[in-house]
Amino acid sequence: SITKLMTALVALDANQPMNERIEVTVEDVPIMHN
């Protein structure tokens, strides 16, 4: 999960609204399905 530091940086660099509500999904991350 040290990975999540890079996950955060890439998400922040997109400059999307932080207050926007987004739907929880794992559809495109197969390792998360179970």
PDB file of all heavy atoms in Angstrom:
ATOM      1  N   SER A   1       0.789  -1.236   0.000  1.00  0.00           N
ATOM      2  CA  SER A   1       0.000   0.000   0.000  1.00  0.00           C
ATOM      3  C   SER A   1       0.818   1.281   0.000  1.00  0.00           C
ATOM      4  O   SER A   1       0.241   2.374  -0.042  1.00  0.00           O
ATOM      5  CB  SER A   1      -0.949   0.005   1.202  1.00  0.00           C
ATOM      6  OG  SER A   1      -2.026  -0.867   0.975  1.00  0.00           O
ATOM      7  N   ILE A   2       2.141   1.183   0.000  1.00  0.00           N
ATOM      8  CA  ILE A   2       2.943   2.385  -0.243  1.00  0.00           C
ATOM      9  C   ILE A   2       2.555   2.953  -1.611  1.00  0.00           C
ATOM     10  O   ILE A   2       2.672   4.147  -1.866  1.00  0.00           O
ATOM     11  CB  ILE A   2       4.453   2.069  -0.196  1.00  0.00           C
ATOM     12  CG1 ILE A   2       4.830   1.355   1.113  1.00  0.00           C
ATOM     13  CG2 ILE A   2       5.269   3.346  -0.344  1.00  0.00           C
ATOM     14  CD1 ILE A   2       4.519   2.122   2.367  1.00  0.00           C
ATOM     15  N   THR A   3       2.074   2.079  -2.485  1.00  0.00           N
ATOM     16  CA  THR A   3       1.528   2.459  -3.794  1.00  0.00           C
ATOM     17  C   THR A   3       0.590   3.654  -3.692  1.00  0.00           C
ATOM     18  O   THR A   3       0.551   4.518  -4.581  1.00  0.00           O
ATOM     19  CB  THR A   3       0.757   1.266  -4.391  1.00  0.00           C
ATOM     20  OG1 THR A   3       1.675   0.208  -4.681  1.00  0.00           O
ATOM     21  CG2 THR A   3      -0.002   1.641  -5.653  1.00  0.00           C
ATOM     22  N   LYS A   4      -0.189   3.719  -2.617  1.00  0.00           N
ATOM     23  CA  LYS A   4      -1.256   4.724  -2.519  1.00  0.00           C
ATOM     24  C   LYS A   4      -0.727   6.154  -2.457  1.00  0.00           C
ATOM     25  O   LYS A   4      -1.488   7.096  -2.713  1.00  0.00           O
ATOM     26  CB  LYS A   4      -2.156   4.411  -1.327  1.00  0.00           C
ATOM     27  CG  LYS A   4      -2.952   3.116  -1.474  1.00  0.00           C
ATOM     28  CD  LYS A   4      -3.921   2.927  -0.324  1.00  0.00           C
ATOM     29  CE  LYS A   4      -4.765   1.667  -0.473  1.00  0.00           C
ATOM     30  NZ  LYS A   4      -4.042   0.454  -0.092  1.00  0.00           N
ATOM     31  N   LEU A   5       0.549   6.344  -2.128  1.00  0.00           N
ATOM     32  CA  LEU A   5       1.108   7.689  -2.220  1.00  0.00           C
ATOM     33  C   LEU A   5       1.083   8.169  -3.671  1.00  0.00           C
ATOM     34  O   LEU A   5       0.723   9.319  -3.958  1.00  0.00           O
ATOM     35  CB  LEU A   5       2.541   7.720  -1.686  1.00  0.00           C
ATOM     36  CG  LEU A   5       2.720   7.820  -0.175  1.00  0.00           C
ATOM     37  CD1 LEU A   5       4.198   7.795   0.168  1.00  0.00           C
ATOM     38  CD2 LEU A   5       2.064   9.077   0.387  1.00  0.00           C
ATOM     39  N   MET A   6       1.483   7.296  -4.601  1.00  0.00           N
ATOM     40  CA  MET A   6       1.432   7.673  -6.015  1.00  0.00           C
ATOM     41  C   MET A   6      -0.012   7.797  -6.491  1.00  0.00           C
ATOM     42  O   MET A   6      -0.343   8.690  -7.288  1.00  0.00           O
ATOM     43  CB  MET A   6       2.192   6.667  -6.870  1.00  0.00           C
ATOM     44  CG  MET A   6       2.242   7.026  -8.350  1.00  0.00           C
ATOM     45  SD  MET A   6       3.119   8.583  -8.677  1.00  0.00           S
ATOM     46  CE  MET A   6       4.824   8.005  -8.630  1.00  0.00           C
ATOM     47  N   THR A   7      -0.888   6.918  -6.007  1.00  0.00           N
ATOM     48  CA  THR A   7      -2.312   7.019  -6.333  1.00  0.00           C
ATOM     49  C   THR A   7      -2.843   8.399  -5.987  1.00  0.00           C
ATOM     50  O   THR A   7      -3.549   9.035  -6.776  1.00  0.00           O
ATOM     51  CB  THR A   7      -3.101   5.942  -5.559  1.00  0.00           C
ATOM     52  OG1 THR A   7      -2.660   4.656  -5.975  1.00  0.00           O
ATOM     53  CG2 THR A   7      -4.597   6.066  -5.810  1.00  0.00           C
ATOM     54  N   ALA A   8      -2.477   8.893  -4.808  1.00  0.00           N
ATOM     55  CA  ALA A   8      -2.946  10.208  -4.364  1.00  0.00           C
ATOM     56  C   ALA A   8      -2.384  11.322  -5.225  1.00  0.00           C
ATOM     57  O   ALA A   8      -3.111  12.258  -5.615  1.00  0.00           O
ATOM     58  CB  ALA A   8      -2.564  10.422  -2.908  1.00  0.00           C
ATOM     59  N   LEU A   9      -1.109  11.252  -5.552  1.00  0.00           N
ATOM     60  CA  LEU A   9      -0.494  12.312  -6.344  1.00  0.00           C
ATOM     61  C   LEU A   9      -1.118  12.413  -7.727  1.00  0.00           C
ATOM     62  O   LEU A   9      -1.407  13.502  -8.224  1.00  0.00           O
ATOM     63  CB  LEU A   9       1.018  12.082  -6.452  1.00  0.00           C
ATOM     64  CG  LEU A   9       1.889  12.784  -5.406  1.00  0.00           C
ATOM     65  CD1 LEU A   9       1.468  12.422  -3.991  1.00  0.00           C
ATOM     66  CD2 LEU A   9       3.356  12.467  -5.635  1.00  0.00           C
ATOM     67  N   VAL A  10      -1.359  11.278  -8.353  1.00  0.00           N
ATOM     68  CA  VAL A  10      -1.961  11.288  -9.693  1.00  0.00           C
ATOM     69  C   VAL A  10      -3.398  11.792  -9.622  1.00  0.00           C
ATOM     70  O   VAL A  10      -3.839  12.576 -10.477  1.00  0.00           O
ATOM     71  CB  VAL A  10      -1.883   9.881 -10.319  1.00  0.00           C
ATOM     72  CG1 VAL A  10      -2.691   9.812 -11.609  1.00  0.00           C
ATOM     73  CG2 VAL A  10      -0.432   9.514 -10.600  1.00  0.00           C
ATOM     74  N   ALA A  11      -4.142  11.375  -8.609  1.00  0.00           N
ATOM     75  CA  ALA A  11      -5.516  11.847  -8.451  1.00  0.00           C
ATOM     76  C   ALA A  11      -5.553  13.362  -8.245  1.00  0.00           C
ATOM     77  O   ALA A  11      -6.384  14.065  -8.829  1.00  0.00           O
ATOM     78  CB  ALA A  11      -6.181  11.143  -7.276  1.00  0.00           C
ATOM     79  N   LEU A  12      -4.635  13.889  -7.448  1.00  0.00           N
ATOM     80  CA  LEU A  12      -4.603  15.328  -7.184  1.00  0.00           C
ATOM     81  C   LEU A  12      -4.183  16.124  -8.416  1.00  0.00           C
ATOM     82  O   LEU A  12      -4.690  17.229  -8.656  1.00  0.00           O
ATOM     83  CB  LEU A  12      -3.667  15.620  -6.017  1.00  0.00           C
ATOM     84  CG  LEU A  12      -4.212  15.234  -4.644  1.00  0.00           C
ATOM     85  CD1 LEU A  12      -3.095  15.222  -3.610  1.00  0.00           C
ATOM     86  CD2 LEU A  12      -5.325  16.192  -4.220  1.00  0.00           C
ATOM     87  N   ASP A  13      -3.281  15.587  -9.209  1.00  0.00           N
ATOM     88  CA  ASP A  13      -2.815  16.299 -10.396  1.00  0.00           C
ATOM     89  C   ASP A  13      -3.901  16.449 -11.460  1.00  0.00           C
ATOM     90  O   ASP A  13      -3.767  17.257 -12.377  1.00  0.00           O
ATOM     91  CB  ASP A  13      -1.594  15.612 -10.989  1.00  0.00           C
ATOM     92  CG  ASP A  13      -0.297  16.069 -10.350  1.00  0.00           C
ATOM     93  OD1 ASP A  13      -0.310  17.113  -9.665  1.00  0.00           O
ATOM     94  OD2 ASP A  13       0.729  15.396 -10.515  1.00  0.00           O
ATOM     95  N   ALA A  14      -4.985  15.677 -11.348  1.00  0.00           N
ATOM     96  CA  ALA A  14      -6.087  15.799 -12.307  1.00  0.00           C
ATOM     97  C   ALA A  14      -6.938  17.031 -12.034  1.00  0.00           C
ATOM     98  O   ALA A  14      -7.759  17.422 -12.878  1.00  0.00           O
ATOM     99  CB  ALA A  14      -6.959  14.548 -12.271  1.00  0.00           C
ATOM    100  N   ASN A  15      -6.772  17.634 -10.840  1.00  0.00           N
ATOM    101  CA  ASN A  15      -7.510  18.850 -10.467  1.00  0.00           C
ATOM    102  C   ASN A  15      -9.023  18.677 -10.553  1.00  0.00           C
ATOM    103  O   ASN A  15      -9.748  19.613 -10.924  1.00  0.00           O
ATOM    104  CB  ASN A  15      -7.062  20.036 -11.342  1.00  0.00           C
ATOM    105  CG  ASN A  15      -5.624  20.435 -11.079  1.00  0.00           C
ATOM    106  OD1 ASN A  15      -5.192  20.517  -9.935  1.00  0.00           O
ATOM    107  ND2 ASN A  15      -4.877  20.673 -12.145  1.00  0.00           N
ATOM    108  N   GLN A  16      -9.502  17.496 -10.210  1.00  0.00           N
ATOM    109  CA  GLN A  16     -10.940  17.274 -10.149  1.00  0.00           C
ATOM    110  C   GLN A  16     -11.483  17.797  -8.820  1.00  0.00           C
ATOM    111  O   GLN A  16     -10.760  17.853  -7.821  1.00  0.00           O
ATOM    112  CB  GLN A  16     -11.243  15.782 -10.296  1.00  0.00           C
ATOM    113  CG  GLN A  16     -10.866  15.214 -11.658  1.00  0.00           C
ATOM    114  CD  GLN A  16     -11.042  13.709 -11.707  1.00  0.00           C
ATOM    115  OE1 GLN A  16     -10.204  12.967 -11.190  1.00  0.00           O
ATOM    116  NE2 GLN A  16     -12.119  13.260 -12.307  1.00  0.00           N
ATOM    117  N   PRO A  17     -12.775  18.154  -8.772  1.00  0.00           N
ATOM    118  CA  PRO A  17     -13.344  18.711  -7.536  1.00  0.00           C
ATOM    119  C   PRO A  17     -13.274  17.703  -6.379  1.00  0.00           C
ATOM    120  O   PRO A  17     -13.724  16.572  -6.518  1.00  0.00           O
ATOM    121  CB  PRO A  17     -14.796  19.011  -7.913  1.00  0.00           C
ATOM    122  CG  PRO A  17     -14.811  19.092  -9.399  1.00  0.00           C
ATOM    123  CD  PRO A  17     -13.767  18.141  -9.879  1.00  0.00           C
ATOM    124  N   MET A  18     -12.708  18.135  -5.262  1.00  0.00           N
ATOM    125  CA  MET A  18     -12.574  17.252  -4.118  1.00  0.00           C
ATOM    126  C   MET A  18     -13.897  17.037  -3.389  1.00  0.00           C
ATOM    127  O   MET A  18     -14.062  16.055  -2.666  1.00  0.00           O
ATOM    128  CB  MET A  18     -11.530  17.797  -3.142  1.00  0.00           C
ATOM    129  CG  MET A  18     -10.102  17.668  -3.646  1.00  0.00           C
ATOM    130  SD  MET A  18      -9.542  15.939  -3.786  1.00  0.00           S
ATOM    131  CE  MET A  18      -9.389  15.781  -5.571  1.00  0.00           C
ATOM    132  N   ASN A  19     -14.863  17.946  -3.601  1.00  0.00           N
ATOM    133  CA  ASN A  19     -16.164  17.785  -2.943  1.00  0.00           C
ATOM    134  C   ASN A  19     -17.165  17.005  -3.795  1.00  0.00           C
ATOM    135  O   ASN A  19     -18.291  16.748  -3.363  1.00  0.00           O
ATOM    136  CB  ASN A  19     -16.747  19.142  -2.555  1.00  0.00           C
ATOM    137  CG  ASN A  19     -16.973  20.053  -3.770  1.00  0.00           C
ATOM    138  OD1 ASN A  19     -16.587  19.708  -4.891  1.00  0.00           O
ATOM    139  ND2 ASN A  19     -17.578  21.204  -3.546  1.00  0.00           N
ATOM    140  N   GLU A  20     -16.770  16.624  -5.005  1.00  0.00           N
ATOM    141  CA  GLU A  20     -17.664  15.850  -5.878  1.00  0.00           C
ATOM    142  C   GLU A  20     -17.840  14.441  -5.321  1.00  0.00           C
ATOM    143  O   GLU A  20     -16.868  13.769  -4.963  1.00  0.00           O
ATOM    144  CB  GLU A  20     -17.082  15.760  -7.291  1.00  0.00           C
ATOM    145  CG  GLU A  20     -17.942  14.960  -8.247  1.00  0.00           C
ATOM    146  CD  GLU A  20     -17.308  14.774  -9.611  1.00  0.00           C
ATOM    147  OE1 GLU A  20     -16.178  15.270  -9.810  1.00  0.00           O
ATOM    148  OE2 GLU A  20     -17.924  14.125 -10.473  1.00  0.00           O
ATOM    149  N   ARG A  21     -19.093  13.996  -5.260  1.00  0.00           N
ATOM    150  CA  ARG A  21     -19.360  12.638  -4.784  1.00  0.00           C
ATOM    151  C   ARG A  21     -19.182  11.653  -5.936  1.00  0.00           C
ATOM    152  O   ARG A  21     -19.756  11.835  -7.011  1.00  0.00           O
ATOM    153  CB  ARG A  21     -20.768  12.529  -4.186  1.00  0.00           C
ATOM    154  CG  ARG A  21     -20.876  13.253  -2.850  1.00  0.00           C
ATOM    155  CD  ARG A  21     -22.164  12.977  -2.112  1.00  0.00           C
ATOM    156  NE  ARG A  21     -22.078  13.492  -0.753  1.00  0.00           N
ATOM    157  CZ  ARG A  21     -21.653  12.792   0.284  1.00  0.00           C
ATOM    158  NH1 ARG A  21     -21.300  11.531   0.119  1.00  0.00           N
ATOM    159  NH2 ARG A  21     -21.589  13.340   1.478  1.00  0.00           N
ATOM    160  N   ILE A  22     -18.380  10.622  -5.689  1.00  0.00           N
ATOM    161  CA  ILE A  22     -18.075   9.634  -6.713  1.00  0.00           C
ATOM    162  C   ILE A  22     -18.533   8.255  -6.242  1.00  0.00           C
ATOM    163  O   ILE A  22     -18.570   7.968  -5.038  1.00  0.00           O
ATOM    164  CB  ILE A  22     -16.570   9.620  -7.055  1.00  0.00           C
ATOM    165  CG1 ILE A  22     -15.715   9.423  -5.801  1.00  0.00           C
ATOM    166  CG2 ILE A  22     -16.189  10.925  -7.748  1.00  0.00           C
ATOM    167  CD1 ILE A  22     -14.215   9.376  -6.071  1.00  0.00           C
ATOM    168  N   GLU A  23     -18.900   7.426  -7.184  1.00  0.00           N
ATOM    169  CA  GLU A  23     -19.453   6.110  -6.850  1.00  0.00           C
ATOM    170  C   GLU A  23     -18.354   5.112  -6.526  1.00  0.00           C
ATOM    171  O   GLU A  23     -17.360   4.997  -7.250  1.00  0.00           O
ATOM    172  CB  GLU A  23     -20.286   5.581  -8.017  1.00  0.00           C
ATOM    173  CG  GLU A  23     -20.968   4.250  -7.715  1.00  0.00           C
ATOM    174  CD  GLU A  23     -21.869   3.783  -8.833  1.00  0.00           C
ATOM    175  OE1 GLU A  23     -22.332   4.645  -9.618  1.00  0.00           O
ATOM    176  OE2 GLU A  23     -22.105   2.561  -8.940  1.00  0.00           O
ATOM    177  N   VAL A  24     -18.538   4.394  -5.443  1.00  0.00           N
ATOM    178  CA  VAL A  24     -17.575   3.386  -5.023  1.00  0.00           C
ATOM    179  C   VAL A  24     -17.678   2.179  -5.954  1.00  0.00           C
ATOM    180  O   VAL A  24     -18.729   1.573  -6.105  1.00  0.00           O
ATOM    181  CB  VAL A  24     -17.835   2.946  -3.570  1.00  0.00           C
ATOM    182  CG1 VAL A  24     -16.888   1.813  -3.177  1.00  0.00           C
ATOM    183  CG2 VAL A  24     -17.681   4.133  -2.625  1.00  0.00           C
ATOM    184  N   THR A  25     -16.558   1.839  -6.608  1.00  0.00           N
ATOM    185  CA  THR A  25     -16.525   0.685  -7.494  1.00  0.00           C
ATOM    186  C   THR A  25     -15.115   0.119  -7.567  1.00  0.00           C
ATOM    187  O   THR A  25     -14.138   0.853  -7.377  1.00  0.00           O
ATOM    188  CB  THR A  25     -17.013   1.063  -8.908  1.00  0.00           C
ATOM    189  OG1 THR A  25     -16.947  -0.094  -9.759  1.00  0.00           O
ATOM    190  CG2 THR A  25     -16.156   2.165  -9.522  1.00  0.00           C
ATOM    191  N   VAL A  26     -15.032  -1.176  -7.831  1.00  0.00           N
ATOM    192  CA  VAL A  26     -13.739  -1.837  -8.018  1.00  0.00           C
ATOM    193  C   VAL A  26     -13.729  -2.611  -9.328  1.00  0.00           C
ATOM    194  O   VAL A  26     -12.886  -3.470  -9.549  1.00  0.00           O
ATOM    195  CB  VAL A  26     -13.429  -2.786  -6.836  1.00  0.00           C
ATOM    196  CG1 VAL A  26     -13.357  -2.015  -5.524  1.00  0.00           C
ATOM    197  CG2 VAL A  26     -14.454  -3.916  -6.730  1.00  0.00           C
ATOM    198  N   GLU A  27     -14.659  -2.282 -10.192  1.00  0.00           N
ATOM    199  CA  GLU A  27     -14.916  -3.055 -11.414  1.00  0.00           C
ATOM    200  C   GLU A  27     -13.661  -3.314 -12.241  1.00  0.00           C
ATOM    201  O   GLU A  27     -13.454  -4.425 -12.752  1.00  0.00           O
ATOM    202  CB  GLU A  27     -15.952  -2.317 -12.265  1.00  0.00           C
ATOM    203  CG  GLU A  27     -16.332  -3.040 -13.541  1.00  0.00           C
ATOM    204  CD  GLU A  27     -17.383  -2.286 -14.342  1.00  0.00           C
ATOM    205  OE1 GLU A  27     -17.867  -1.240 -13.849  1.00  0.00           O
ATOM    206  OE2 GLU A  27     -17.701  -2.732 -15.459  1.00  0.00           O
ATOM    207  N   ASP A  28     -12.806  -2.303 -12.400  1.00  0.00           N
ATOM    208  CA  ASP A  28     -11.642  -2.429 -13.275  1.00  0.00           C
ATOM    209  C   ASP A  28     -10.351  -2.750 -12.536  1.00  0.00           C
ATOM    210  O   ASP A  28      -9.251  -2.575 -13.075  1.00  0.00           O
ATOM    211  CB  ASP A  28     -11.460  -1.137 -14.084  1.00  0.00           C
ATOM    212  CG  ASP A  28     -12.616  -0.906 -15.048  1.00  0.00           C
ATOM    213  OD1 ASP A  28     -13.213  -1.899 -15.501  1.00  0.00           O
ATOM    214  OD2 ASP A  28     -12.930   0.270 -15.325  1.00  0.00           O
ATOM    215  N   VAL A  29     -10.480  -3.235 -11.294  1.00  0.00           N
ATOM    216  CA  VAL A  29      -9.326  -3.692 -10.516  1.00  0.00           C
ATOM    217  C   VAL A  29      -9.606  -5.142 -10.101  1.00  0.00           C
ATOM    218  O   VAL A  29     -10.095  -5.411  -9.010  1.00  0.00           O
ATOM    219  CB  VAL A  29      -9.079  -2.807  -9.271  1.00  0.00           C
ATOM    220  CG1 VAL A  29      -7.779  -3.210  -8.581  1.00  0.00           C
ATOM    221  CG2 VAL A  29      -9.048  -1.333  -9.649  1.00  0.00           C
ATOM    222  N   PRO A  30      -9.308  -6.104 -10.977  1.00  0.00           N
ATOM    223  CA  PRO A  30      -9.688  -7.495 -10.734  1.00  0.00           C
ATOM    224  C   PRO A  30      -9.226  -8.045  -9.390  1.00  0.00           C
ATOM    225  O   PRO A  30      -9.950  -8.832  -8.761  1.00  0.00           O
ATOM    226  CB  PRO A  30      -9.021  -8.243 -11.899  1.00  0.00           C
ATOM    227  CG  PRO A  30      -8.943  -7.228 -12.992  1.00  0.00           C
ATOM    228  CD  PRO A  30      -8.680  -5.932 -12.303  1.00  0.00           C
ATOM    229  N   ILE A  31      -8.062  -7.635  -8.908  1.00  0.00           N
ATOM    230  CA  ILE A  31      -7.544  -8.173  -7.658  1.00  0.00           C
ATOM    231  C   ILE A  31      -8.410  -7.766  -6.460  1.00  0.00           C
ATOM    232  O   ILE A  31      -8.343  -8.371  -5.396  1.00  0.00           O
ATOM    233  CB  ILE A  31      -6.080  -7.731  -7.449  1.00  0.00           C
ATOM    234  CG1 ILE A  31      -5.384  -8.655  -6.443  1.00  0.00           C
ATOM    235  CG2 ILE A  31      -5.998  -6.274  -7.020  1.00  0.00           C
ATOM    236  CD1 ILE A  31      -3.890  -8.493  -6.404  1.00  0.00           C
ATOM    237  N   MET A  32      -9.261  -6.762  -6.650  1.00  0.00           N
ATOM    238  CA  MET A  32     -10.124  -6.274  -5.576  1.00  0.00           C
ATOM    239  C   MET A  32     -11.457  -7.005  -5.491  1.00  0.00           C
ATOM    240  O   MET A  32     -12.203  -6.817  -4.525  1.00  0.00           O
ATOM    241  CB  MET A  32     -10.401  -4.781  -5.793  1.00  0.00           C
ATOM    242  CG  MET A  32      -9.296  -3.857  -5.336  1.00  0.00           C
ATOM    243  SD  MET A  32      -9.188  -3.806  -3.540  1.00  0.00           S
ATOM    244  CE  MET A  32     -10.821  -3.201  -3.113  1.00  0.00           C
ATOM    245  N   HIS A  33     -11.763  -7.855  -6.440  1.00  0.00           N
ATOM    246  CA  HIS A  33     -13.122  -8.384  -6.535  1.00  0.00           C
ATOM    247  C   HIS A  33     -13.541  -9.240  -5.344  1.00  0.00           C
ATOM    248  O   HIS A  33     -14.727  -9.335  -5.032  1.00  0.00           O
ATOM    249  CB  HIS A  33     -13.291  -9.169  -7.842  1.00  0.00           C
ATOM    250  CG  HIS A  33     -13.293  -8.298  -9.053  1.00  0.00           C
ATOM    251  ND1 HIS A  33     -13.406  -8.779 -10.343  1.00  0.00           N
ATOM    252  CD2 HIS A  33     -13.188  -6.945  -9.181  1.00  0.00           C
ATOM    253  CE1 HIS A  33     -13.372  -7.775 -11.196  1.00  0.00           C
ATOM    254  NE2 HIS A  33     -13.230  -6.659 -10.529  1.00  0.00           N
ATOM    255  N   ASN A  34     -12.621  -9.841  -4.651  1.00  0.00           N
ATOM    256  CA  ASN A  34     -12.972 -10.667  -3.489  1.00  0.00           C
ATOM    257  C   ASN A  34     -12.364 -10.123  -2.193  1.00  0.00           C
ATOM    258  O   ASN A  34     -12.215 -10.858  -1.219  1.00  0.00           O
ATOM    259  CB  ASN A  34     -12.510 -12.107  -3.715  1.00  0.00           C
ATOM    260  CG  ASN A  34     -13.254 -12.777  -4.847  1.00  0.00           C
ATOM    261  OD1 ASN A  34     -14.478 -12.722  -4.914  1.00  0.00           O
ATOM    262  ND2 ASN A  34     -12.520 -13.404  -5.753  1.00  0.00           N
TER     263      ASN A  34
END
